[in-house]
C-alpha atoms as a PDB file:
ATOM      1  CA  MET A   1     117.736 110.833 129.494  1.00  0.00           C
ATOM      2  CA  ARG A   2     115.116 109.632 131.333  1.00  0.00           C
ATOM      3  CA  VAL A   3     112.620 108.067 128.921  1.00  0.00           C
ATOM      4  CA  HIS A   4     109.433 107.386 130.280  1.00  0.00           C
ATOM      5  CA  ILE A   5     106.966 105.632 128.092  1.00  0.00           C
ATOM      6  CA  LEU A   6     102.771 105.271 128.880  1.00  0.00           C
ATOM      7  CA  ASP A   7     100.314 102.582 128.194  1.00  0.00           C
ATOM      8  CA  ASP A   8     102.364  99.454 126.593  1.00  0.00           C
ATOM      9  CA  TRP A   9      99.374  97.604 127.916  1.00  0.00           C
ATOM     10  CA  PHE A  10     100.977  93.691 127.003  1.00  0.00           C
ATOM     11  CA  ASP A  11     104.759  95.005 127.214  1.00  0.00           C
ATOM     12  CA  THR A  12     105.087  95.108 123.699  1.00  0.00           C
ATOM     13  CA  LEU A  13     107.899  97.710 122.947  1.00  0.00           C
ATOM     14  CA  ARG A  14     110.675  96.620 124.770  1.00  0.00           C
ATOM     15  CA  GLY A  15     110.452  93.067 122.154  1.00  0.00           C
ATOM     16  CA  LEU A  16     110.662  95.216 118.855  1.00  0.00           C
ATOM     17  CA  PRO A  17     113.676  96.034 116.929  1.00  0.00           C
ATOM     18  CA  SER A  18     113.171  99.851 117.307  1.00  0.00           C
ATOM     19  CA  PHE A  19     113.626  99.397 121.119  1.00  0.00           C
ATOM     20  CA  ALA A  20     117.274  99.418 120.353  1.00  0.00           C
ATOM     21  CA  GLN A  21     117.156 102.917 119.562  1.00  0.00           C
ATOM     22  CA  LEU A  22     117.004 103.435 123.387  1.00  0.00           C
ATOM     23  CA  ASP A  23     120.065 101.898 124.036  1.00  0.00           C
ATOM     24  CA  GLY A  24     121.940 104.502 126.408  1.00  0.00           C
ATOM     25  CA  HIS A  25     118.688 106.249 127.995  1.00  0.00           C
ATOM     26  CA  GLU A  26     117.170 105.446 131.220  1.00  0.00           C
ATOM     27  CA  VAL A  27     114.116 103.905 130.445  1.00  0.00           C
ATOM     28  CA  THR A  28     110.664 103.083 132.107  1.00  0.00           C
ATOM     29  CA  ILE A  29     107.609 101.149 130.721  1.00  0.00           C
ATOM     30  CA  TRP A  30     104.306 101.875 132.341  1.00  0.00           C
ATOM     31  CA  THR A  31     102.155  98.854 131.173  1.00  0.00           C
ATOM     32  CA  ASP A  32      98.655 100.083 133.346  1.00  0.00           C
ATOM     33  CA  HIS A  33      96.270 102.543 132.560  1.00  0.00           C
ATOM     34  CA  VAL A  34      96.427 105.326 134.573  1.00  0.00           C
ATOM     35  CA  THR A  35      93.672 108.125 134.840  1.00  0.00           C
ATOM     36  CA  ASP A  36      94.621 109.772 137.919  1.00  0.00           C
ATOM     37  CA  GLU A  37      97.052 112.524 137.311  1.00  0.00           C
ATOM     38  CA  ARG A  38      98.026 112.858 141.123  1.00  0.00           C
ATOM     39  CA  VAL A  39      99.394 109.455 140.470  1.00  0.00           C
ATOM     40  CA  LEU A  40     100.646 110.219 137.230  1.00  0.00           C
ATOM     41  CA  SER A  41     102.497 112.549 138.750  1.00  0.00           C
ATOM     42  CA  ASP A  42     104.280 110.412 140.907  1.00  0.00           C
ATOM     43  CA  ARG A  43     105.215 108.399 138.201  1.00  0.00           C
ATOM     44  CA  LEU A  44     106.708 110.965 135.944  1.00  0.00           C
ATOM     45  CA  ASP A  45     108.108 112.969 138.335  1.00  0.00           C
ATOM     46  CA  LYS A  46     111.573 112.165 137.185  1.00  0.00           C
ATOM     47  CA  ALA A  47     110.955 111.995 133.685  1.00  0.00           C
ATOM     48  CA  GLU A  48     112.863 113.929 131.159  1.00  0.00           C
ATOM     49  CA  ALA A  49     111.297 113.200 128.243  1.00  0.00           C
ATOM     50  CA  LEU A  50     107.406 111.159 127.561  1.00  0.00           C
ATOM     51  CA  VAL A  51     106.601 108.654 125.244  1.00  0.00           C
ATOM     52  CA  LEU A  52     102.673 108.925 124.346  1.00  0.00           C
ATOM     53  CA  PHE A  53     101.466 105.588 122.938  1.00  0.00           C
ATOM     54  CA  ARG A  54      99.118 107.330 120.387  1.00  0.00           C
ATOM     55  CA  GLU A  55      95.845 108.622 122.556  1.00  0.00           C
ATOM     56  CA  ARG A  56      95.526 106.646 125.502  1.00  0.00           C
ATOM     57  CA  THR A  57      96.595 109.419 127.845  1.00  0.00           C
ATOM     58  CA  PRO A  58      95.457 113.330 128.119  1.00  0.00           C
ATOM     59  CA  VAL A  59      98.393 115.629 128.699  1.00  0.00           C
ATOM     60  CA  THR A  60      97.089 118.332 130.172  1.00  0.00           C
ATOM     61  CA  ALA A  61      97.794 121.929 132.014  1.00  0.00           C
ATOM     62  CA  GLY A  62      97.415 120.039 135.774  1.00  0.00           C
ATOM     63  CA  LEU A  63      99.765 117.499 135.035  1.00  0.00           C
ATOM     64  CA  LEU A  64     102.491 119.081 133.115  1.00  0.00           C
ATOM     65  CA  GLN A  65     102.594 121.869 136.166  1.00  0.00           C
ATOM     66  CA  ASN A  66     103.715 118.866 138.209  1.00  0.00           C
ATOM     67  CA  LEU A  67     106.084 117.495 135.974  1.00  0.00           C
ATOM     68  CA  PRO A  68     109.237 120.273 136.391  1.00  0.00           C
ATOM     69  CA  LYS A  69     111.485 118.003 134.869  1.00  0.00           C
ATOM     70  CA  LEU A  70     110.158 117.202 131.758  1.00  0.00           C
ATOM     71  CA  ARG A  71     111.895 118.686 128.770  1.00  0.00           C
ATOM     72  CA  LEU A  72     110.019 116.666 125.733  1.00  0.00           C
ATOM     73  CA  ILE A  73     106.957 114.561 124.819  1.00  0.00           C
ATOM     74  CA  SER A  74     107.241 112.690 121.845  1.00  0.00           C
ATOM     75  CA  GLN A  75     104.618 111.023 120.069  1.00  0.00           C
ATOM     76  CA  ARG A  76     103.629 110.212 116.459  1.00  0.00           C
ATOM     77  CA  SER A  77     100.855 111.603 114.587  1.00  0.00           C
ATOM     78  CA  VAL A  78      97.903 113.711 115.894  1.00  0.00           C
ATOM     79  CA  TYR A  79      97.655 115.291 118.981  1.00  0.00           C
ATOM     80  CA  PRO A  80      94.433 116.255 120.018  1.00  0.00           C
ATOM     81  CA  HIS A  81      95.225 114.545 123.698  1.00  0.00           C
ATOM     82  CA  VAL A  82      97.930 116.888 124.363  1.00  0.00           C
ATOM     83  CA  ASP A  83      97.613 120.488 125.721  1.00  0.00           C
ATOM     84  CA  VAL A  84     100.274 122.391 123.092  1.00  0.00           C
ATOM     85  CA  PRO A  85     100.143 125.990 124.901  1.00  0.00           C
ATOM     86  CA  ALA A  86     100.313 124.174 128.236  1.00  0.00           C
ATOM     87  CA  CYS A  87     103.602 122.140 126.921  1.00  0.00           C
ATOM     88  CA  THR A  88     104.760 126.057 125.577  1.00  0.00           C
ATOM     89  CA  GLN A  89     103.869 127.532 128.912  1.00  0.00           C
ATOM     90  CA  HIS A  90     105.793 124.695 130.947  1.00  0.00           C
ATOM     91  CA  GLY A  91     108.843 124.485 128.413  1.00  0.00           C
ATOM     92  CA  VAL A  92     108.258 121.113 126.846  1.00  0.00           C
ATOM     93  CA  LEU A  93     108.691 120.932 123.299  1.00  0.00           C
ATOM     94  CA  LEU A  94     105.982 118.656 121.769  1.00  0.00           C
ATOM     95  CA  CYS A  95     107.629 116.482 119.119  1.00  0.00           C
ATOM     96  CA  SER A  96     105.439 114.216 116.514  1.00  0.00           C
ATOM     97  CA  ASN A  97     105.717 113.178 112.844  1.00  0.00           C
ATOM     98  CA  MET A  98     102.795 113.911 111.106  1.00  0.00           C
ATOM     99  CA  HIS A  99     103.993 110.567 108.756  1.00  0.00           C
ATOM    100  CA  SER A 100     101.809 112.798 106.003  1.00  0.00           C
ATOM    101  CA  ASP A 101     103.167 110.633 102.873  1.00  0.00           C
ATOM    102  CA  THR A 102     102.130 107.165 104.391  1.00  0.00           C
ATOM    103  CA  PRO A 103      99.034 105.336 104.768  1.00  0.00           C
ATOM    104  CA  SER A 104      98.591 102.981 107.765  1.00  0.00           C
ATOM    105  CA  HIS A 105      98.483  99.638 106.282  1.00  0.00           C
ATOM    106  CA  ALA A 106      97.391  97.928 109.301  1.00  0.00           C
ATOM    107  CA  ALA A 107      94.505  99.833 109.874  1.00  0.00           C
ATOM    108  CA  ALA A 108      92.960  99.594 106.338  1.00  0.00           C
ATOM    109  CA  GLU A 109      93.597  96.055 106.443  1.00  0.00           C
ATOM    110  CA  LEU A 110      91.648  96.387 110.014  1.00  0.00           C
ATOM    111  CA  THR A 111      88.907  97.792 108.177  1.00  0.00           C
ATOM    112  CA  TRP A 112      88.973  95.207 105.008  1.00  0.00           C
ATOM    113  CA  GLY A 113      88.768  92.474 107.902  1.00  0.00           C
ATOM    114  CA  LEU A 114      85.788  94.153 109.559  1.00  0.00           C
ATOM    115  CA  ILE A 115      84.024  94.287 106.438  1.00  0.00           C
ATOM    116  CA  LEU A 116      84.595  90.885 105.590  1.00  0.00           C
ATOM    117  CA  ALA A 117      82.988  90.308 108.861  1.00  0.00           C
ATOM    118  CA  ALA A 118      80.397  91.631 109.002  1.00  0.00           C
ATOM    119  CA  MET A 119      79.043  91.304 105.428  1.00  0.00           C
ATOM    120  CA  ARG A 120      79.971  87.226 106.160  1.00  0.00           C
ATOM    121  CA  GLN A 121      78.846  87.321 109.751  1.00  0.00           C
ATOM    122  CA  ILE A 122      82.254  86.191 110.554  1.00  0.00           C
ATOM    123  CA  PRO A 123      81.773  86.251 114.663  1.00  0.00           C
ATOM    124  CA  GLN A 124      78.047  85.452 114.477  1.00  0.00           C
ATOM    125  CA  GLN A 125      78.724  82.313 112.476  1.00  0.00           C
ATOM    126  CA  MET A 126      81.643  81.758 114.794  1.00  0.00           C
ATOM    127  CA  ALA A 127      79.391  81.633 117.720  1.00  0.00           C
ATOM    128  CA  SER A 128      76.914  80.083 116.442  1.00  0.00           C
ATOM    129  CA  LEU A 129      79.062  76.864 115.228  1.00  0.00           C
ATOM    130  CA  ARG A 130      80.384  76.682 118.865  1.00  0.00           C
ATOM    131  CA  ALA A 131      76.925  76.724 120.492  1.00  0.00           C
ATOM    132  CA  GLY A 132      76.313  73.468 118.732  1.00  0.00           C
ATOM    133  CA  HIS A 133      73.924  75.110 116.077  1.00  0.00           C
ATOM    134  CA  TRP A 134      75.619  75.417 112.710  1.00  0.00           C
ATOM    135  CA  GLN A 135      74.774  77.701 110.686  1.00  0.00           C
ATOM    136  CA  MET A 136      72.734  80.361 111.841  1.00  0.00           C
ATOM    137  CA  GLY A 137      72.099  83.064 108.525  1.00  0.00           C
ATOM    138  CA  VAL A 138      72.658  84.260 105.153  1.00  0.00           C
ATOM    139  CA  GLY A 139      76.140  86.772 104.476  1.00  0.00           C
ATOM    140  CA  LYS A 140      76.440  88.878 101.524  1.00  0.00           C
ATOM    141  CA  THR A 141      78.785  88.176  98.896  1.00  0.00           C
ATOM    142  CA  LEU A 142      81.212  91.704  98.597  1.00  0.00           C
ATOM    143  CA  ARG A 143      81.778  91.339  94.640  1.00  0.00           C
ATOM    144  CA  GLY A 144      78.898  93.976  92.790  1.00  0.00           C
ATOM    145  CA  ARG A 145      78.325  95.727  95.675  1.00  0.00           C
ATOM    146  CA  VAL A 146      79.238  99.199  96.102  1.00  0.00           C
ATOM    147  CA  LEU A 147      81.600 100.474  98.783  1.00  0.00           C
ATOM    148  CA  GLY A 148      81.412 103.923 100.146  1.00  0.00           C
ATOM    149  CA  LEU A 149      84.422 105.735 101.201  1.00  0.00           C
ATOM    150  CA  TYR A 150      83.807 108.739 103.254  1.00  0.00           C
ATOM    151  CA  GLY A 151      86.827 110.703 103.749  1.00  0.00           C
ATOM    152  CA  TYR A 152      89.196 110.765 100.083  1.00  0.00           C
ATOM    153  CA  GLY A 153      93.033 110.034 102.759  1.00  0.00           C
ATOM    154  CA  ARG A 154      95.375 107.577 102.572  1.00  0.00           C
ATOM    155  CA  ILE A 155      94.258 105.167 104.266  1.00  0.00           C
ATOM    156  CA  ALA A 156      90.477 104.785 102.836  1.00  0.00           C
ATOM    157  CA  ARG A 157      92.313 104.879  99.307  1.00  0.00           C
ATOM    158  CA  ALA A 158      94.030 101.943 100.323  1.00  0.00           C
ATOM    159  CA  VAL A 159      91.568 100.628 101.505  1.00  0.00           C
ATOM    160  CA  ALA A 160      89.790 101.451  98.089  1.00  0.00           C
ATOM    161  CA  GLY A 161      92.175  99.317  96.522  1.00  0.00           C
ATOM    162  CA  TYR A 162      91.421  95.987  98.860  1.00  0.00           C
ATOM    163  CA  ALA A 163      87.767  96.936  97.525  1.00  0.00           C
ATOM    164  CA  ARG A 164      88.386  96.528  93.643  1.00  0.00           C
ATOM    165  CA  ALA A 165      90.179  93.802  94.083  1.00  0.00           C
ATOM    166  CA  PHE A 166      87.588  92.177  95.395  1.00  0.00           C
ATOM    167  CA  GLY A 167      85.240  93.409  92.773  1.00  0.00           C
ATOM    168  CA  MET A 168      83.480  95.769  94.470  1.00  0.00           C
ATOM    169  CA  GLU A 169      82.830  99.350  93.005  1.00  0.00           C
ATOM    170  CA  VAL A 170      84.002 102.393  94.851  1.00  0.00           C
ATOM    171  CA  LEU A 171      81.944 105.700  95.543  1.00  0.00           C
ATOM    172  CA  TRP A 172      83.552 108.752  97.598  1.00  0.00           C
ATOM    173  CA  TRP A 173      82.148 111.456  99.602  1.00  0.00           C
ATOM    174  CA  ALA A 174      84.205 113.855 101.354  1.00  0.00           C
ATOM    175  CA  SER A 175      85.003 117.092 102.008  1.00  0.00           C
ATOM    176  CA  ASP A 176      84.807 119.931  99.210  1.00  0.00           C
ATOM    177  CA  ASP A 177      88.682 119.460  98.587  1.00  0.00           C
ATOM    178  CA  GLY A 178      88.709 116.117  99.552  1.00  0.00           C
ATOM    179  CA  ARG A 179      85.895 115.613  96.421  1.00  0.00           C
ATOM    180  CA  ALA A 180      87.709 118.006  94.407  1.00  0.00           C
ATOM    181  CA  ARG A 181      91.116 115.889  94.915  1.00  0.00           C
ATOM    182  CA  ALA A 182      89.358 112.500  94.019  1.00  0.00           C
ATOM    183  CA  LEU A 183      87.336 114.135  90.737  1.00  0.00           C
ATOM    184  CA  ALA A 184      90.722 114.970  89.304  1.00  0.00           C
ATOM    185  CA  ASP A 185      92.137 111.673  90.064  1.00  0.00           C
ATOM    186  CA  GLY A 186      89.050 110.287  87.844  1.00  0.00           C
ATOM    187  CA  GLU A 187      87.069 108.545  90.869  1.00  0.00           C
ATOM    188  CA  ALA A 188      83.392 108.145  91.283  1.00  0.00           C
ATOM    189  CA  VAL A 189      81.929 110.804  93.462  1.00  0.00           C
ATOM    190  CA  ALA A 190      78.582 110.463  94.688  1.00  0.00           C
ATOM    191  CA  GLU A 191      75.999 113.747  93.251  1.00  0.00           C
ATOM    192  CA  SER A 192      74.977 114.254  96.954  1.00  0.00           C
ATOM    193  CA  ARG A 193      75.362 113.765 100.272  1.00  0.00           C
ATOM    194  CA  ALA A 194      72.558 111.654 100.718  1.00  0.00           C
ATOM    195  CA  ALA A 195      73.462 109.961  97.630  1.00  0.00           C
ATOM    196  CA  PHE A 196      76.159 108.829  98.702  1.00  0.00           C
ATOM    197  CA  PHE A 197      74.526 107.134 101.934  1.00  0.00           C
ATOM    198  CA  ALA A 198      71.932 105.724 100.118  1.00  0.00           C
ATOM    199  CA  ALA A 199      73.654 104.247  97.114  1.00  0.00           C
ATOM    200  CA  SER A 200      76.415 102.300 100.194  1.00  0.00           C
ATOM    201  CA  ASP A 201      76.142  98.662 100.381  1.00  0.00           C
ATOM    202  CA  VAL A 202      78.910  99.501 103.025  1.00  0.00           C
ATOM    203  CA  VAL A 203      80.092 103.053 103.951  1.00  0.00           C
ATOM    204  CA  SER A 204      83.269 103.331 105.938  1.00  0.00           C
ATOM    205  CA  LEU A 205      84.568 106.624 107.521  1.00  0.00           C
ATOM    206  CA  HIS A 206      87.816 107.790 107.479  1.00  0.00           C
ATOM    207  CA  VAL A 207      88.268 111.265 109.298  1.00  0.00           C
ATOM    208  CA  ARG A 208      90.419 112.793 111.432  1.00  0.00           C
ATOM    209  CA  LEU A 209      88.467 113.632 114.458  1.00  0.00           C
ATOM    210  CA  LYS A 210      88.956 117.613 114.430  1.00  0.00           C
ATOM    211  CA  PRO A 211      86.511 120.734 115.982  1.00  0.00           C
ATOM    212  CA  ALA A 212      85.305 120.807 112.713  1.00  0.00           C
ATOM    213  CA  THR A 213      84.387 117.116 112.161  1.00  0.00           C
ATOM    214  CA  ARG A 214      83.112 116.367 115.355  1.00  0.00           C
ATOM    215  CA  GLY A 215      79.401 114.811 114.971  1.00  0.00           C
ATOM    216  CA  ILE A 216      79.739 115.121 111.257  1.00  0.00           C
ATOM    217  CA  ILE A 217      77.729 111.838 111.085  1.00  0.00           C
ATOM    218  CA  GLY A 218      73.789 111.995 112.488  1.00  0.00           C
ATOM    219  CA  PRO A 219      70.589 110.357 112.447  1.00  0.00           C
ATOM    220  CA  ALA A 220      69.539 112.274 108.848  1.00  0.00           C
ATOM    221  CA  ASP A 221      73.310 109.877 107.242  1.00  0.00           C
ATOM    222  CA  PHE A 222      72.249 106.426 108.849  1.00  0.00           C
ATOM    223  CA  ALA A 223      68.184 107.034 108.054  1.00  0.00           C
ATOM    224  CA  ALA A 224      69.002 107.274 103.959  1.00  0.00           C
ATOM    225  CA  MET A 225      71.083 104.085 104.338  1.00  0.00           C
ATOM    226  CA  ARG A 226      69.725 100.822 103.043  1.00  0.00           C
ATOM    227  CA  PRO A 227      68.362  98.038 105.725  1.00  0.00           C
ATOM    228  CA  GLY A 228      71.179  95.412 104.611  1.00  0.00           C
ATOM    229  CA  ALA A 229      73.711  98.242 104.694  1.00  0.00           C
ATOM    230  CA  VAL A 230      76.779  98.198 106.963  1.00  0.00           C
ATOM    231  CA  PHE A 231      78.582 101.177 108.611  1.00  0.00           C
ATOM    232  CA  VAL A 232      82.009 100.972 109.155  1.00  0.00           C
ATOM    233  CA  ASN A 233      84.039 103.126 111.813  1.00  0.00           C
ATOM    234  CA  THR A 234      87.526 102.511 112.080  1.00  0.00           C
ATOM    235  CA  SER A 235      88.510 106.177 112.549  1.00  0.00           C
ATOM    236  CA  ARG A 236      87.246 108.073 115.888  1.00  0.00           C
ATOM    237  CA  ALA A 237      84.041 107.762 117.692  1.00  0.00           C
ATOM    238  CA  GLY A 238      83.715 111.257 117.889  1.00  0.00           C
ATOM    239  CA  LEU A 239      83.090 111.834 114.607  1.00  0.00           C
ATOM    240  CA  VAL A 240      79.437 110.120 114.642  1.00  0.00           C
ATOM    241  CA  GLN A 241      77.330 112.598 116.755  1.00  0.00           C
ATOM    242  CA  PRO A 242      76.413 110.865 120.390  1.00  0.00           C
ATOM    243  CA  GLY A 243      73.560 107.990 120.422  1.00  0.00           C
ATOM    244  CA  ALA A 244      72.943 108.214 116.635  1.00  0.00           C
ATOM    245  CA  LEU A 245      74.622 104.806 115.815  1.00  0.00           C
ATOM    246  CA  LEU A 246      72.654 102.825 118.292  1.00  0.00           C
ATOM    247  CA  ALA A 247      69.496 104.637 117.244  1.00  0.00           C
ATOM    248  CA  ALA A 248      69.836 104.047 113.927  1.00  0.00           C
ATOM    249  CA  LEU A 249      70.643 100.426 114.366  1.00  0.00           C
ATOM    250  CA  ASN A 250      67.653  99.845 116.561  1.00  0.00           C
ATOM    251  CA  ALA A 251      65.810 101.607 113.446  1.00  0.00           C
ATOM    252  CA  GLY A 252      67.243  99.426 111.433  1.00  0.00           C
ATOM    253  CA  ARG A 253      69.068 101.920 108.892  1.00  0.00           C
ATOM    254  CA  PRO A 254      71.932 100.387 108.864  1.00  0.00           C
ATOM    255  CA  GLY A 255      71.326  97.223 109.345  1.00  0.00           C
ATOM    256  CA  MET A 256      74.720  96.443 110.655  1.00  0.00           C
ATOM    257  CA  ALA A 257      77.773  98.070 111.974  1.00  0.00           C
ATOM    258  CA  ALA A 258      81.852  97.125 112.148  1.00  0.00           C
ATOM    259  CA  LEU A 259      83.428  99.391 114.950  1.00  0.00           C
ATOM    260  CA  ASP A 260      87.036  99.673 116.316  1.00  0.00           C
ATOM    261  CA  VAL A 261      86.183 102.577 117.854  1.00  0.00           C
ATOM    262  CA  PHE A 262      84.378 103.949 121.043  1.00  0.00           C
ATOM    263  CA  ASP A 263      83.782 106.563 122.728  1.00  0.00           C
ATOM    264  CA  ALA A 264      85.102 105.861 126.251  1.00  0.00           C
ATOM    265  CA  GLU A 265      88.535 104.168 125.710  1.00  0.00           C
ATOM    266  CA  PRO A 266      89.668 101.303 127.026  1.00  0.00           C
ATOM    267  CA  LEU A 267      85.896  99.440 126.754  1.00  0.00           C
ATOM    268  CA  VAL A 268      85.345  97.311 129.659  1.00  0.00           C
ATOM    269  CA  ASP A 269      81.550  97.355 129.805  1.00  0.00           C
ATOM    270  CA  ALA A 270      80.570  94.371 128.621  1.00  0.00           C
ATOM    271  CA  THR A 271      77.341  95.187 128.577  1.00  0.00           C
ATOM    272  CA  ASP A 272      77.667  98.805 126.289  1.00  0.00           C
ATOM    273  CA  PRO A 273      74.713  99.090 123.879  1.00  0.00           C
ATOM    274  CA  LEU A 274      76.725  98.698 121.161  1.00  0.00           C
ATOM    275  CA  VAL A 275      79.416  95.980 121.953  1.00  0.00           C
ATOM    276  CA  SER A 276      76.483  93.709 123.310  1.00  0.00           C
ATOM    277  CA  HIS A 277      74.541  94.701 120.389  1.00  0.00           C
ATOM    278  CA  PRO A 278      73.561  91.672 117.811  1.00  0.00           C
ATOM    279  CA  ASN A 279      73.912  93.767 114.635  1.00  0.00           C
ATOM    280  CA  VAL A 280      77.374  95.054 115.331  1.00  0.00           C
ATOM    281  CA  VAL A 281      80.975  93.527 114.782  1.00  0.00           C
ATOM    282  CA  ALA A 282      83.265  95.725 117.113  1.00  0.00           C
ATOM    283  CA  THR A 283      87.290  94.807 118.494  1.00  0.00           C
ATOM    284  CA  PRO A 284      88.695  97.014 120.482  1.00  0.00           C
ATOM    285  CA  HIS A 285      90.691 100.074 118.958  1.00  0.00           C
ATOM    286  CA  ILE A 286      93.198  97.756 117.407  1.00  0.00           C
ATOM    287  CA  GLY A 287      93.275  99.724 113.784  1.00  0.00           C
ATOM    288  CA  TYR A 288      96.974 100.045 114.197  1.00  0.00           C
ATOM    289  CA  VAL A 289      98.113  97.226 116.827  1.00  0.00           C
ATOM    290  CA  THR A 290     100.018  95.009 115.038  1.00  0.00           C
ATOM    291  CA  GLU A 291     103.807  94.571 115.489  1.00  0.00           C
ATOM    292  CA  ASP A 292     105.264  96.051 112.058  1.00  0.00           C
ATOM    293  CA  GLU A 293     102.793  98.814 112.303  1.00  0.00           C
ATOM    294  CA  LEU A 294     103.915  99.607 116.302  1.00  0.00           C
ATOM    295  CA  ASP A 295     107.374  99.258 115.161  1.00  0.00           C
ATOM    296  CA  LEU A 296     107.689 101.955 111.809  1.00  0.00           C
ATOM    297  CA  GLN A 297     105.490 104.233 114.290  1.00  0.00           C
ATOM    298  CA  PHE A 298     107.735 103.868 117.859  1.00  0.00           C
ATOM    299  CA  ALA A 299     110.804 104.289 115.083  1.00  0.00           C
ATOM    300  CA  ASP A 300     110.022 107.455 114.557  1.00  0.00           C
ATOM    301  CA  ILE A 301     109.143 108.486 118.051  1.00  0.00           C
ATOM    302  CA  TYR A 302     112.583 107.082 119.617  1.00  0.00           C
ATOM    303  CA  ASP A 303     114.186 108.911 116.818  1.00  0.00           C
ATOM    304  CA  GLN A 304     113.033 112.393 118.066  1.00  0.00           C
ATOM    305  CA  ILE A 305     114.195 111.300 121.014  1.00  0.00           C
ATOM    306  CA  ASN A 306     117.472 111.132 119.947  1.00  0.00           C
ATOM    307  CA  ALA A 307     117.266 114.197 117.689  1.00  0.00           C
ATOM    308  CA  TYR A 308     116.707 116.041 121.024  1.00  0.00           C
ATOM    309  CA  ALA A 309     119.044 114.200 122.899  1.00  0.00           C
ATOM    310  CA  ALA A 310     121.595 115.313 120.229  1.00  0.00           C
ATOM    311  CA  GLY A 311     120.333 119.009 119.884  1.00  0.00           C
ATOM    312  CA  ALA A 312     119.081 119.007 116.735  1.00  0.00           C
ATOM    313  CA  PRO A 313     114.915 118.160 117.785  1.00  0.00           C
ATOM    314  CA  ILE A 314     112.900 117.207 114.539  1.00  0.00           C
ATOM    315  CA  HIS A 315     109.171 117.431 113.954  1.00  0.00           C
ATOM    316  CA  MET A 316     108.738 120.242 116.522  1.00  0.00           C
ATOM    317  CA  ILE A 317     105.033 121.193 116.748  1.00  0.00           C
ATOM    318  CA  ASN A 318     105.889 123.939 119.402  1.00  0.00           C
ATOM    319  CA  PRO A 319     109.484 125.368 117.933  1.00  0.00           C
ATOM    320  CA  GLU A 320     109.091 128.099 120.456  1.00  0.00           C
ATOM    321  CA  VAL A 321     110.253 126.063 123.025  1.00  0.00           C
ATOM    322  CA  TRP A 322     113.499 124.964 121.924  1.00  0.00           C
ATOM    323  CA  THR A 323     116.347 127.327 122.166  1.00  0.00           C
ATOM    324  CA  GLY A 324     119.205 125.546 121.445  1.00  0.00           C
END
């Protein structure tokens, strides 16, 4: 099959062991990011299978109508960036392994790294040292403090394990179902949403972005946080109401934020008010960007391509397209 891979910005995939799974296919890798659908249409005109690098490029009805040879889109995890009805209309099968039984350890590890970086002021202390000023302030010890985890999912539970190893208390908030599962597992659940934000020294958000969760964090939540608390988001920026975090930081509640996700990505504006905020530790959406995690994810993606080529597709999201 003629396979095109989008948005492999650092040309990483061909150097991973899993890439050998595409032997026998005609593979084209695009290492830049293109937003113009006319340019994308020209590039992908002969593509039979399209590999998506997470949510970096939306697949719209307008793009699909210009790709007459496309038969398969292969990706991993959730797909809010893909117009599934349009895929079905144009006879394009979407396959996505939802990996419901495994957490992203890479994302959990980065979350913990951001918590450490924010609480110990690691980026600011490094900048001060390099500027010849030695120490610039006093950080906070994690042991004995409260980590509030919003969302009772796989990544949050992995982060909880790290927190306990560091001697932190773990407090939970989630949907009604998530809180019920946490209680059934013997976990500590806050008495109320306001109590959760007020009691936590660190609040880390671990919720999938979908219509029901968009903007679930707002001004009242931030206002309940302590001036010395840290808000961490390695999930999706859209979970926070637009402008609410910046306003909260400027008001001093919470005192700091640690972010891996932004409303517009890739974000290359160094003057962005969150990126440049003195009380923000920020990384460029690298939660899942490790060699190990990418090899795991793309092995699943390539499996889907090979299964389709063999006439037995797997992980079909719109199976009505498949006629055998």
